[in-house]
Protein backbone atom coordinates (compact mmCIF):
# COMPACT_ATOMS: atom_id res chain seq x y z
CA MET A 1 -136.89 -20.48 -26.44
CA ASP A 2 -133.33 -20.78 -25.51
CA ARG A 3 -133.84 -17.50 -23.70
CA ASP A 4 -136.77 -18.61 -21.67
CA ARG A 5 -134.73 -21.80 -20.51
CA LEU A 6 -131.94 -19.41 -19.44
CA VAL A 7 -134.45 -17.33 -17.51
CA LEU A 8 -135.76 -20.15 -15.82
CA GLY A 9 -132.39 -21.51 -14.98
CA LEU A 10 -131.44 -17.99 -13.39
CA ALA A 11 -134.86 -18.28 -11.59
CA ALA A 12 -133.84 -21.50 -10.17
CA VAL A 13 -130.53 -20.27 -9.04
CA PHE A 14 -132.24 -17.31 -7.32
CA ALA A 15 -134.81 -19.63 -5.97
CA GLY A 16 -131.81 -21.68 -4.33
CA LEU A 17 -130.37 -18.56 -2.88
CA THR A 18 -133.43 -17.67 -1.32
CA VAL A 19 -134.21 -20.97 0.31
CA LEU A 20 -130.33 -21.09 1.60
CA LEU A 21 -130.64 -17.55 3.23
CA VAL A 22 -134.05 -18.58 4.86
CA VAL A 23 -132.69 -21.64 6.22
CA ALA A 24 -129.38 -20.02 7.44
CA SER A 25 -131.39 -17.44 9.13
CA LEU A 26 -133.68 -19.87 10.80
CA ALA A 27 -130.83 -22.04 11.81
CA SER A 28 -128.34 -19.49 13.05
CA GLY A 29 -130.39 -16.68 14.08
CA PRO A 30 -129.43 -13.57 12.23
CA TRP A 31 -132.55 -12.02 11.22
CA TYR A 32 -131.21 -9.78 8.48
CA LEU A 33 -130.64 -12.79 6.50
CA ILE A 34 -134.43 -12.95 6.05
CA LEU A 35 -134.45 -9.25 4.82
CA LEU A 36 -131.91 -10.25 2.30
CA ALA A 37 -133.85 -13.24 1.02
CA VAL A 38 -136.75 -11.12 0.17
CA PRO A 39 -135.18 -9.43 -2.97
CA PHE A 40 -133.97 -12.83 -4.03
CA GLY A 41 -137.41 -14.41 -3.75
CA ALA A 42 -139.08 -11.41 -5.43
CA THR A 43 -136.55 -11.81 -8.43
CA THR A 44 -137.32 -15.62 -8.46
CA TYR A 45 -140.96 -14.95 -8.76
CA PHE A 46 -140.84 -12.32 -11.55
CA MET A 47 -138.07 -14.15 -13.45
CA TRP A 48 -140.59 -17.25 -13.39
CA TYR A 49 -143.44 -15.17 -14.38
CA GLN A 50 -141.71 -13.89 -17.48
CA ALA A 51 -140.21 -17.19 -18.60
CA SER A 52 -143.61 -18.85 -18.24
CA GLY A 53 -145.29 -16.48 -20.52
CA ARG A 54 -147.75 -15.46 -18.20
CA LEU A 55 -146.23 -11.76 -17.69
CA GLU A 56 -147.03 -11.39 -21.66
CA GLU A 57 -150.46 -12.89 -21.45
CA ARG A 58 -151.43 -10.53 -18.62
CA THR A 59 -150.25 -7.39 -20.36
CA ARG A 60 -152.02 -8.32 -23.55
CA THR A 61 -155.03 -9.26 -21.43
CA ARG A 62 -154.84 -5.61 -19.87
CA ARG A 63 -154.29 -3.96 -23.32
CA VAL A 64 -157.59 -5.57 -24.68
CA ARG A 65 -159.49 -4.52 -21.62
CA ALA A 66 -157.94 -0.92 -21.57
CA GLY A 67 -158.96 -0.54 -25.27
CA SER A 68 -162.61 -1.70 -24.74
CA ARG A 69 -163.07 0.41 -21.70
CA PHE A 70 -161.85 3.79 -23.16
CA GLY A 71 -163.68 3.55 -26.48
CA ARG A 72 -160.83 2.46 -28.49
CA GLY A 73 -162.99 -0.84 -29.40
CA ALA A 74 -162.93 -3.00 -32.35
CA ARG A 75 -164.30 -1.92 -35.58
CA ARG A 76 -166.74 -4.35 -36.93
CA ASN A 77 -164.62 -5.74 -39.66
CA ASP A 78 -161.37 -6.09 -37.40
CA PRO A 79 -160.78 -9.64 -37.10
CA ASN A 80 -158.29 -9.15 -34.50
CA GLY A 81 -160.76 -7.61 -31.99
CA PRO A 82 -159.88 -4.52 -29.81
CA GLY A 83 -156.45 -3.48 -29.76
CA GLY A 84 -155.38 -5.77 -32.76
CA PHE A 85 -154.56 -8.58 -30.04
CA GLY A 86 -156.73 -11.33 -31.34
CA ALA A 87 -158.69 -11.62 -28.07
CA GLY A 88 -162.02 -12.43 -29.87
CA ALA A 89 -164.07 -9.77 -28.33
CA ARG A 90 -166.64 -8.32 -30.72
CA ASN A 91 -167.72 -4.55 -30.97
CA GLY A 92 -165.57 -3.30 -28.24
CA ARG A 93 -167.16 -5.17 -25.32
CA THR A 94 -165.82 -7.99 -23.41
CA ARG A 95 -167.63 -10.13 -20.86
CA GLY A 96 -165.88 -11.37 -17.92
CA ARG A 97 -162.08 -12.03 -18.72
CA ALA A 98 -160.77 -11.73 -22.10
CA SER A 99 -159.46 -14.76 -23.60
CA VAL A 100 -155.73 -14.48 -25.09
CA ARG A 101 -154.09 -16.96 -27.22
CA PRO A 102 -150.72 -17.69 -26.51
CA PRO A 103 -148.30 -16.39 -29.10
CA SER A 104 -147.24 -18.95 -31.84
CA SER A 105 -144.10 -20.60 -31.18
CA GLY A 106 -143.02 -20.64 -35.09
CA PRO A 107 -144.53 -21.02 -38.40
CA SER A 108 -147.33 -22.95 -39.30
CA PRO A 109 -146.82 -26.34 -40.99
CA THR A 110 -147.74 -25.02 -44.41
CA GLU A 111 -145.17 -21.97 -44.12
CA ALA A 112 -142.53 -24.63 -42.68
CA TYR A 113 -143.02 -26.73 -45.79
CA ARG A 114 -142.83 -23.61 -48.07
CA THR A 115 -139.63 -22.43 -46.32
CA LEU A 116 -137.91 -25.71 -46.97
CA GLY A 117 -139.35 -25.81 -50.75
CA LEU A 118 -141.53 -29.06 -49.82
CA ASP A 119 -144.94 -30.05 -50.85
CA PRO A 120 -147.28 -30.29 -47.82
CA GLY A 121 -147.09 -33.79 -46.58
CA ALA A 122 -143.67 -34.66 -47.54
CA ASP A 123 -142.21 -37.65 -45.65
CA GLU A 124 -139.61 -37.58 -42.87
CA ASP A 125 -136.63 -38.34 -45.13
CA ALA A 126 -137.48 -35.45 -47.87
CA VAL A 127 -138.04 -33.08 -44.93
CA ARG A 128 -134.60 -34.01 -43.33
CA GLN A 129 -132.89 -33.86 -47.04
CA ALA A 130 -134.65 -30.63 -47.80
CA TYR A 131 -133.33 -29.05 -44.47
CA ARG A 132 -129.76 -30.10 -44.89
CA GLN A 133 -129.83 -28.66 -48.36
CA ARG A 134 -131.18 -25.22 -47.17
CA VAL A 135 -128.99 -25.34 -44.15
CA LYS A 136 -125.89 -25.41 -46.35
CA GLU A 137 -127.17 -22.74 -48.67
CA VAL A 138 -127.95 -20.15 -45.81
CA HIS A 139 -125.74 -20.92 -42.89
CA PRO A 140 -124.08 -17.84 -41.45
CA ASP A 141 -120.61 -18.97 -41.96
CA ARG A 142 -120.77 -19.23 -45.69
CA PRO A 143 -120.15 -15.91 -47.68
CA SER A 144 -123.64 -15.81 -49.02
CA GLY A 145 -125.01 -17.09 -45.66
CA ASP A 146 -127.99 -15.28 -43.86
CA GLU A 147 -128.53 -15.40 -40.22
CA ASP A 148 -132.34 -14.76 -40.22
CA GLU A 149 -132.86 -17.05 -42.93
CA PHE A 150 -130.88 -19.81 -41.19
CA LYS A 151 -133.13 -19.17 -38.01
CA ARG A 152 -136.27 -19.39 -40.20
CA VAL A 153 -135.07 -22.76 -41.72
CA ASN A 154 -134.33 -24.10 -38.40
CA ARG A 155 -137.72 -23.06 -36.98
CA ALA A 156 -139.29 -24.79 -39.89
CA TYR A 157 -137.60 -28.00 -39.37
CA GLU A 158 -138.39 -28.09 -35.79
CA ARG A 159 -141.99 -27.46 -36.64
CA LEU A 160 -142.02 -30.25 -39.07
CA THR A 161 -140.28 -32.89 -36.88
CA ASP A 162 -142.19 -32.07 -33.75
CA GLU A 163 -145.41 -32.43 -36.04
CA GLN A 164 -144.42 -35.81 -37.20
CA THR A 165 -143.28 -37.38 -33.85
């Protein structure tokens, strides 16, 4: 998530440079500034496309379509559909545009409760206390700390606090 915000911020900077170059070209007249603005504009577009998640969605859709078109379709018992991307198409055929679910932004609420060592439906104070205890145990600055587990605990806490608000 932080990486997406960074890419969006960079896209905004490139957009500003593009606008600045176009305005400078129109105001003062050197035509080559327009040519210089084109790569900045293209970079802005592709960075936004990546950060918004549309690039990933499009590549997944294309993989699903390619899988069904070239005979690599889903087996009847495959719950994920052709290509294993969860597009929901049955027996290798898609009608129209294949639907693609956006990737999950973290653990499910049940997994989040399990990560924090709580029973599902625990109140806000219990979640906060369990989070603080788990963070103390797995913080990367501690000798027994684990960075991956620390990230999992943070994602679980974010999921549960987002859900409660």
